[in-house]
Amino acid sequence: MLIKDLQTHLQNCHRTSLADLERQFKLDAETLRAMLSLLIRKGRVSKVDSKACPGCCSCDPEALEFYEWTTSRSC
């Protein structure tokens, strides 16, 4: 998978969780975070601060980690 594929996916879907990206691209969270960090530094993607979790600690952390494309478009 190329970073271009990740970028295109985010452009098309606008917002997605890290867990969804792991399933979509069959890559581990750390590999995806490295690519997402590059896109964040370039100003194309932002990490969304998710405060939706009540704090029960039973959710997979990657399911609560969201990223979004910086321009609006819906999936």
PDB file of N, CA and C in Angstrom:
ATOM      1  N   MET A   1       0.837  -1.182   0.000  1.00  0.00           N
ATOM      2  CA  MET A   1       0.000   0.000   0.000  1.00  0.00           C
ATOM      3  C   MET A   1       0.876   1.237   0.000  1.00  0.00           C
ATOM      4  N   LEU A   2       0.508   2.165  -0.800  1.00  0.00           N
ATOM      5  CA  LEU A   2       1.226   3.419  -0.879  1.00  0.00           C
ATOM      6  C   LEU A   2       0.494   4.490  -0.075  1.00  0.00           C
ATOM      7  N   ILE A   3       1.226   5.488   0.334  1.00  0.00           N
ATOM      8  CA  ILE A   3       0.617   6.586   1.074  1.00  0.00           C
ATOM      9  C   ILE A   3      -0.454   7.276   0.222  1.00  0.00           C
ATOM     10  N   LYS A   4      -0.274   7.229  -1.094  1.00  0.00           N
ATOM     11  CA  LYS A   4      -1.265   7.803  -2.013  1.00  0.00           C
ATOM     12  C   LYS A   4      -2.616   7.096  -1.865  1.00  0.00           C
ATOM     13  N   ASP A   5      -2.601   5.779  -1.656  1.00  0.00           N
ATOM     14  CA  ASP A   5      -3.847   5.028  -1.456  1.00  0.00           C
ATOM     15  C   ASP A   5      -4.554   5.478  -0.183  1.00  0.00           C
ATOM     16  N   LEU A   6      -3.780   5.686   0.866  1.00  0.00           N
ATOM     17  CA  LEU A   6      -4.342   6.162   2.131  1.00  0.00           C
ATOM     18  C   LEU A   6      -4.929   7.558   1.951  1.00  0.00           C
ATOM     19  N   GLN A   7      -4.209   8.407   1.268  1.00  0.00           N
ATOM     20  CA  GLN A   7      -4.668   9.769   1.009  1.00  0.00           C
ATOM     21  C   GLN A   7      -5.971   9.761   0.216  1.00  0.00           C
ATOM     22  N   THR A   8      -6.031   8.967  -0.825  1.00  0.00           N
ATOM     23  CA  THR A   8      -7.244   8.880  -1.644  1.00  0.00           C
ATOM     24  C   THR A   8      -8.422   8.372  -0.822  1.00  0.00           C
ATOM     25  N   HIS A   9      -8.182   7.370   0.006  1.00  0.00           N
ATOM     26  CA  HIS A   9      -9.248   6.831   0.858  1.00  0.00           C
ATOM     27  C   HIS A   9      -9.793   7.923   1.785  1.00  0.00           C
ATOM     28  N   LEU A  10      -8.903   8.674   2.405  1.00  0.00           N
ATOM     29  CA  LEU A  10      -9.344   9.749   3.307  1.00  0.00           C
ATOM     30  C   LEU A  10     -10.047  10.869   2.555  1.00  0.00           C
ATOM     31  N   GLN A  11      -9.593  11.168   1.362  1.00  0.00           N
ATOM     32  CA  GLN A  11     -10.274  12.176   0.544  1.00  0.00           C
ATOM     33  C   GLN A  11     -11.702  11.754   0.250  1.00  0.00           C
ATOM     34  N   ASN A  12     -11.895  10.488  -0.051  1.00  0.00           N
ATOM     35  CA  ASN A  12     -13.216   9.989  -0.413  1.00  0.00           C
ATOM     36  C   ASN A  12     -14.137   9.823   0.785  1.00  0.00           C
ATOM     37  N   CYS A  13     -13.595   9.392   1.905  1.00  0.00           N
ATOM     38  CA  CYS A  13     -14.429   9.111   3.082  1.00  0.00           C
ATOM     39  C   CYS A  13     -14.494  10.264   4.068  1.00  0.00           C
ATOM     40  N   HIS A  14     -13.579  11.176   3.988  1.00  0.00           N
ATOM     41  CA  HIS A  14     -13.469  12.355   4.835  1.00  0.00           C
ATOM     42  C   HIS A  14     -13.014  12.025   6.256  1.00  0.00           C
ATOM     43  N   ARG A  15     -13.694  11.132   6.967  1.00  0.00           N
ATOM     44  CA  ARG A  15     -13.317  10.794   8.340  1.00  0.00           C
ATOM     45  C   ARG A  15     -13.422   9.288   8.538  1.00  0.00           C
ATOM     46  N   THR A  16     -12.423   8.715   9.224  1.00  0.00           N
ATOM     47  CA  THR A  16     -12.428   7.286   9.487  1.00  0.00           C
ATOM     48  C   THR A  16     -11.592   6.979  10.721  1.00  0.00           C
ATOM     49  N   SER A  17     -11.852   5.841  11.311  1.00  0.00           N
ATOM     50  CA  SER A  17     -11.084   5.434  12.494  1.00  0.00           C
ATOM     51  C   SER A  17      -9.828   4.671  12.072  1.00  0.00           C
ATOM     52  N   LEU A  18      -8.880   4.633  12.984  1.00  0.00           N
ATOM     53  CA  LEU A  18      -7.666   3.874  12.728  1.00  0.00           C
ATOM     54  C   LEU A  18      -8.002   2.393  12.569  1.00  0.00           C
ATOM     55  N   ALA A  19      -8.951   1.893  13.341  1.00  0.00           N
ATOM     56  CA  ALA A  19      -9.365   0.486  13.223  1.00  0.00           C
ATOM     57  C   ALA A  19      -9.920   0.200  11.834  1.00  0.00           C
ATOM     58  N   ASP A  20     -10.709   1.110  11.288  1.00  0.00           N
ATOM     59  CA  ASP A  20     -11.233   0.919   9.934  1.00  0.00           C
ATOM     60  C   ASP A  20     -10.107   0.909   8.901  1.00  0.00           C
ATOM     61  N   LEU A  21      -9.125   1.773   9.098  1.00  0.00           N
ATOM     62  CA  LEU A  21      -7.984   1.800   8.178  1.00  0.00           C
ATOM     63  C   LEU A  21      -7.182   0.504   8.261  1.00  0.00           C
ATOM     64  N   GLU A  22      -7.034  -0.039   9.467  1.00  0.00           N
ATOM     65  CA  GLU A  22      -6.336  -1.316   9.629  1.00  0.00           C
ATOM     66  C   GLU A  22      -7.041  -2.424   8.843  1.00  0.00           C
ATOM     67  N   ARG A  23      -8.366  -2.451   8.938  1.00  0.00           N
ATOM     68  CA  ARG A  23      -9.137  -3.464   8.206  1.00  0.00           C
ATOM     69  C   ARG A  23      -9.063  -3.225   6.698  1.00  0.00           C
ATOM     70  N   GLN A  24      -9.203  -1.984   6.294  1.00  0.00           N
ATOM     71  CA  GLN A  24      -9.217  -1.637   4.870  1.00  0.00           C
ATOM     72  C   GLN A  24      -7.900  -1.985   4.180  1.00  0.00           C
ATOM     73  N   PHE A  25      -6.788  -1.619   4.823  1.00  0.00           N
ATOM     74  CA  PHE A  25      -5.489  -1.760   4.179  1.00  0.00           C
ATOM     75  C   PHE A  25      -4.668  -2.950   4.680  1.00  0.00           C
ATOM     76  N   LYS A  26      -5.193  -3.645   5.690  1.00  0.00           N
ATOM     77  CA  LYS A  26      -4.512  -4.824   6.243  1.00  0.00           C
ATOM     78  C   LYS A  26      -3.089  -4.488   6.701  1.00  0.00           C
ATOM     79  N   LEU A  27      -2.991  -3.359   7.426  1.00  0.00           N
ATOM     80  CA  LEU A  27      -1.725  -2.908   7.997  1.00  0.00           C
ATOM     81  C   LEU A  27      -1.909  -2.686   9.489  1.00  0.00           C
ATOM     82  N   ASP A  28      -0.797  -2.747  10.242  1.00  0.00           N
ATOM     83  CA  ASP A  28      -0.884  -2.518  11.680  1.00  0.00           C
ATOM     84  C   ASP A  28      -0.990  -1.018  11.982  1.00  0.00           C
ATOM     85  N   ALA A  29      -1.435  -0.724  13.189  1.00  0.00           N
ATOM     86  CA  ALA A  29      -1.696   0.654  13.602  1.00  0.00           C
ATOM     87  C   ALA A  29      -0.442   1.532  13.523  1.00  0.00           C
ATOM     88  N   GLU A  30       0.697   1.007  13.933  1.00  0.00           N
ATOM     89  CA  GLU A  30       1.921   1.820  13.935  1.00  0.00           C
ATOM     90  C   GLU A  30       2.360   2.208  12.524  1.00  0.00           C
ATOM     91  N   THR A  31       2.220   1.310  11.584  1.00  0.00           N
ATOM     92  CA  THR A  31       2.561   1.618  10.192  1.00  0.00           C
ATOM     93  C   THR A  31       1.636   2.705   9.664  1.00  0.00           C
ATOM     94  N   LEU A  32       0.353   2.569   9.951  1.00  0.00           N
ATOM     95  CA  LEU A  32      -0.617   3.579   9.506  1.00  0.00           C
ATOM     96  C   LEU A  32      -0.363   4.918  10.184  1.00  0.00           C
ATOM     97  N   ARG A  33      -0.059   4.902  11.474  1.00  0.00           N
ATOM     98  CA  ARG A  33       0.211   6.162  12.183  1.00  0.00           C
ATOM     99  C   ARG A  33       1.394   6.900  11.566  1.00  0.00           C
ATOM    100  N   ALA A  34       2.409   6.168  11.140  1.00  0.00           N
ATOM    101  CA  ALA A  34       3.571   6.803  10.507  1.00  0.00           C
ATOM    102  C   ALA A  34       3.164   7.506   9.214  1.00  0.00           C
ATOM    103  N   MET A  35       2.349   6.843   8.419  1.00  0.00           N
ATOM    104  CA  MET A  35       1.877   7.460   7.172  1.00  0.00           C
ATOM    105  C   MET A  35       0.940   8.632   7.460  1.00  0.00           C
ATOM    106  N   LEU A  36       0.066   8.462   8.439  1.00  0.00           N
ATOM    107  CA  LEU A  36      -0.861   9.539   8.804  1.00  0.00           C
ATOM    108  C   LEU A  36      -0.103  10.747   9.338  1.00  0.00           C
ATOM    109  N   SER A  37       0.973  10.513  10.083  1.00  0.00           N
ATOM    110  CA  SER A  37       1.789  11.617  10.606  1.00  0.00           C
ATOM    111  C   SER A  37       2.373  12.453   9.478  1.00  0.00           C
ATOM    112  N   LEU A  38       2.806  11.792   8.423  1.00  0.00           N
ATOM    113  CA  LEU A  38       3.330  12.519   7.262  1.00  0.00           C
ATOM    114  C   LEU A  38       2.239  13.387   6.644  1.00  0.00           C
ATOM    115  N   LEU A  39       1.048  12.828   6.486  1.00  0.00           N
ATOM    116  CA  LEU A  39      -0.065  13.596   5.911  1.00  0.00           C
ATOM    117  C   LEU A  39      -0.496  14.735   6.834  1.00  0.00           C
ATOM    118  N   ILE A  40      -0.382  14.526   8.146  1.00  0.00           N
ATOM    119  CA  ILE A  40      -0.692  15.594   9.106  1.00  0.00           C
ATOM    120  C   ILE A  40       0.324  16.720   8.965  1.00  0.00           C
ATOM    121  N   ARG A  41       1.610  16.365   8.895  1.00  0.00           N
ATOM    122  CA  ARG A  41       2.658  17.388   8.736  1.00  0.00           C
ATOM    123  C   ARG A  41       2.479  18.191   7.453  1.00  0.00           C
ATOM    124  N   LYS A  42       1.961  17.548   6.416  1.00  0.00           N
ATOM    125  CA  LYS A  42       1.722  18.238   5.146  1.00  0.00           C
ATOM    126  C   LYS A  42       0.432  19.051   5.171  1.00  0.00           C
ATOM    127  N   GLY A  43      -0.336  18.944   6.247  1.00  0.00           N
ATOM    128  CA  GLY A  43      -1.567  19.718   6.381  1.00  0.00           C
ATOM    129  C   GLY A  43      -2.756  19.136   5.636  1.00  0.00           C
ATOM    130  N   ARG A  44      -2.676  17.895   5.240  1.00  0.00           N
ATOM    131  CA  ARG A  44      -3.758  17.272   4.476  1.00  0.00           C
ATOM    132  C   ARG A  44      -4.749  16.510   5.355  1.00  0.00           C
ATOM    133  N   VAL A  45      -4.277  16.060   6.508  1.00  0.00           N
ATOM    134  CA  VAL A  45      -5.086  15.239   7.412  1.00  0.00           C
ATOM    135  C   VAL A  45      -4.963  15.809   8.814  1.00  0.00           C
ATOM    136  N   SER A  46      -6.006  15.641   9.604  1.00  0.00           N
ATOM    137  CA  SER A  46      -5.921  16.013  11.013  1.00  0.00           C
ATOM    138  C   SER A  46      -6.453  14.865  11.861  1.00  0.00           C
ATOM    139  N   LYS A  47      -5.900  14.769  13.062  1.00  0.00           N
ATOM    140  CA  LYS A  47      -6.371  13.763  14.016  1.00  0.00           C
ATOM    141  C   LYS A  47      -7.530  14.388  14.775  1.00  0.00           C
ATOM    142  N   VAL A  48      -8.626  13.651  14.882  1.00  0.00           N
ATOM    143  CA  VAL A  48      -9.827  14.157  15.529  1.00  0.00           C
ATOM    144  C   VAL A  48      -9.792  13.739  16.987  1.00  0.00           C
ATOM    145  N   ASP A  49      -9.981  14.693  17.871  1.00  0.00           N
ATOM    146  CA  ASP A  49     -10.018  14.412  19.292  1.00  0.00           C
ATOM    147  C   ASP A  49     -11.384  13.831  19.635  1.00  0.00           C
ATOM    148  N   SER A  50     -11.420  12.537  19.934  1.00  0.00           N
ATOM    149  CA  SER A  50     -12.678  11.855  20.218  1.00  0.00           C
ATOM    150  C   SER A  50     -12.912  11.801  21.712  1.00  0.00           C
ATOM    151  N   LYS A  51     -13.960  12.477  22.146  1.00  0.00           N
ATOM    152  CA  LYS A  51     -14.331  12.462  23.555  1.00  0.00           C
ATOM    153  C   LYS A  51     -15.628  11.682  23.745  1.00  0.00           C
ATOM    154  N   ALA A  52     -15.974  10.846  22.754  1.00  0.00           N
ATOM    155  CA  ALA A  52     -17.235  10.116  22.799  1.00  0.00           C
ATOM    156  C   ALA A  52     -17.202   8.926  23.745  1.00  0.00           C
ATOM    157  N   CYS A  53     -16.020   8.467  24.119  1.00  0.00           N
ATOM    158  CA  CYS A  53     -15.916   7.291  24.968  1.00  0.00           C
ATOM    159  C   CYS A  53     -16.202   7.658  26.421  1.00  0.00           C
ATOM    160  N   PRO A  54     -17.051   6.875  27.092  1.00  0.00           N
ATOM    161  CA  PRO A  54     -17.357   7.156  28.494  1.00  0.00           C
ATOM    162  C   PRO A  54     -16.242   6.746  29.447  1.00  0.00           C
ATOM    163  N   GLY A  55     -15.208   6.098  28.947  1.00  0.00           N
ATOM    164  CA  GLY A  55     -14.064   5.755  29.779  1.00  0.00           C
ATOM    165  C   GLY A  55     -14.141   4.384  30.417  1.00  0.00           C
ATOM    166  N   CYS A  56     -14.878   3.465  29.850  1.00  0.00           N
ATOM    167  CA  CYS A  56     -15.024   2.124  30.423  1.00  0.00           C
ATOM    168  C   CYS A  56     -13.801   1.247  30.170  1.00  0.00           C
ATOM    169  N   CYS A  57     -12.948   1.653  29.244  1.00  0.00           N
ATOM    170  CA  CYS A  57     -11.710   0.947  28.889  1.00  0.00           C
ATOM    171  C   CYS A  57     -11.939  -0.400  28.203  1.00  0.00           C
ATOM    172  N   SER A  58     -13.145  -0.665  27.726  1.00  0.00           N
ATOM    173  CA  SER A  58     -13.381  -1.938  27.049  1.00  0.00           C
ATOM    174  C   SER A  58     -13.297  -1.821  25.528  1.00  0.00           C
ATOM    175  N   CYS A  59     -13.205  -0.616  25.017  1.00  0.00           N
ATOM    176  CA  CYS A  59     -13.103  -0.403  23.573  1.00  0.00           C
ATOM    177  C   CYS A  59     -11.655  -0.544  23.119  1.00  0.00           C
ATOM    178  N   ASP A  60     -11.495  -1.013  21.904  1.00  0.00           N
ATOM    179  CA  ASP A  60     -10.187  -1.051  21.279  1.00  0.00           C
ATOM    180  C   ASP A  60      -9.752   0.398  21.046  1.00  0.00           C
ATOM    181  N   PRO A  61      -8.584   0.816  21.537  1.00  0.00           N
ATOM    182  CA  PRO A  61      -8.159   2.213  21.371  1.00  0.00           C
ATOM    183  C   PRO A  61      -8.148   2.681  19.915  1.00  0.00           C
ATOM    184  N   GLU A  62      -7.822   1.774  18.989  1.00  0.00           N
ATOM    185  CA  GLU A  62      -7.802   2.143  17.578  1.00  0.00           C
ATOM    186  C   GLU A  62      -9.197   2.452  17.049  1.00  0.00           C
ATOM    187  N   ALA A  63     -10.231   1.911  17.685  1.00  0.00           N
ATOM    188  CA  ALA A  63     -11.606   2.185  17.264  1.00  0.00           C
ATOM    189  C   ALA A  63     -12.029   3.597  17.646  1.00  0.00           C
ATOM    190  N   LEU A  64     -11.308   4.206  18.579  1.00  0.00           N
ATOM    191  CA  LEU A  64     -11.636   5.557  19.038  1.00  0.00           C
ATOM    192  C   LEU A  64     -10.672   6.607  18.508  1.00  0.00           C
ATOM    193  N   GLU A  65      -9.729   6.198  17.695  1.00  0.00           N
ATOM    194  CA  GLU A  65      -8.737   7.112  17.118  1.00  0.00           C
ATOM    195  C   GLU A  65      -9.175   7.448  15.700  1.00  0.00           C
ATOM    196  N   PHE A  66      -9.575   8.715  15.478  1.00  0.00           N
ATOM    197  CA  PHE A  66     -10.129   9.119  14.192  1.00  0.00           C
ATOM    198  C   PHE A  66      -9.226  10.120  13.490  1.00  0.00           C
ATOM    199  N   TYR A  67      -9.248  10.031  12.165  1.00  0.00           N
ATOM    200  CA  TYR A  67      -8.514  10.952  11.308  1.00  0.00           C
ATOM    201  C   TYR A  67      -9.462  11.458  10.243  1.00  0.00           C
ATOM    202  N   GLU A  68      -9.237  12.703   9.805  1.00  0.00           N
ATOM    203  CA  GLU A  68     -10.095  13.238   8.757  1.00  0.00           C
ATOM    204  C   GLU A  68      -9.294  14.050   7.761  1.00  0.00           C
ATOM    205  N   TRP A  69      -9.801  14.044   6.529  1.00  0.00           N
ATOM    206  CA  TRP A  69      -9.231  14.853   5.455  1.00  0.00           C
ATOM    207  C   TRP A  69      -9.567  16.299   5.762  1.00  0.00           C
ATOM    208  N   THR A  70      -8.715  17.218   5.400  1.00  0.00           N
ATOM    209  CA  THR A  70      -8.928  18.611   5.778  1.00  0.00           C
ATOM    210  C   THR A  70      -9.935  19.350   4.926  1.00  0.00           C
ATOM    211  N   THR A  71     -10.396  18.752   3.828  1.00  0.00           N
ATOM    212  CA  THR A  71     -11.455  19.362   3.037  1.00  0.00           C
ATOM    213  C   THR A  71     -12.702  18.518   3.177  1.00  0.00           C
ATOM    214  N   SER A  72     -13.863  19.116   3.028  1.00  0.00           N
ATOM    215  CA  SER A  72     -15.092  18.356   3.261  1.00  0.00           C
ATOM    216  C   SER A  72     -15.517  17.567   2.043  1.00  0.00           C
ATOM    217  N   ARG A  73     -15.834  16.316   2.307  1.00  0.00           N
ATOM    218  CA  ARG A  73     -16.338  15.359   1.318  1.00  0.00           C
ATOM    219  C   ARG A  73     -16.910  14.209   2.114  1.00  0.00           C
ATOM    220  N   SER A  74     -17.956  13.621   1.654  1.00  0.00           N
ATOM    221  CA  SER A  74     -18.508  12.502   2.423  1.00  0.00           C
ATOM    222  C   SER A  74     -18.350  11.186   1.660  1.00  0.00           C
ATOM    223  N   CYS A  75     -18.315  10.094   2.429  1.00  0.00           N
ATOM    224  CA  CYS A  75     -18.097   8.762   1.871  1.00  0.00           C
ATOM    225  C   CYS A  75     -19.404   8.197   1.344  1.00  0.00           C
TER     226      CYS A  75
END
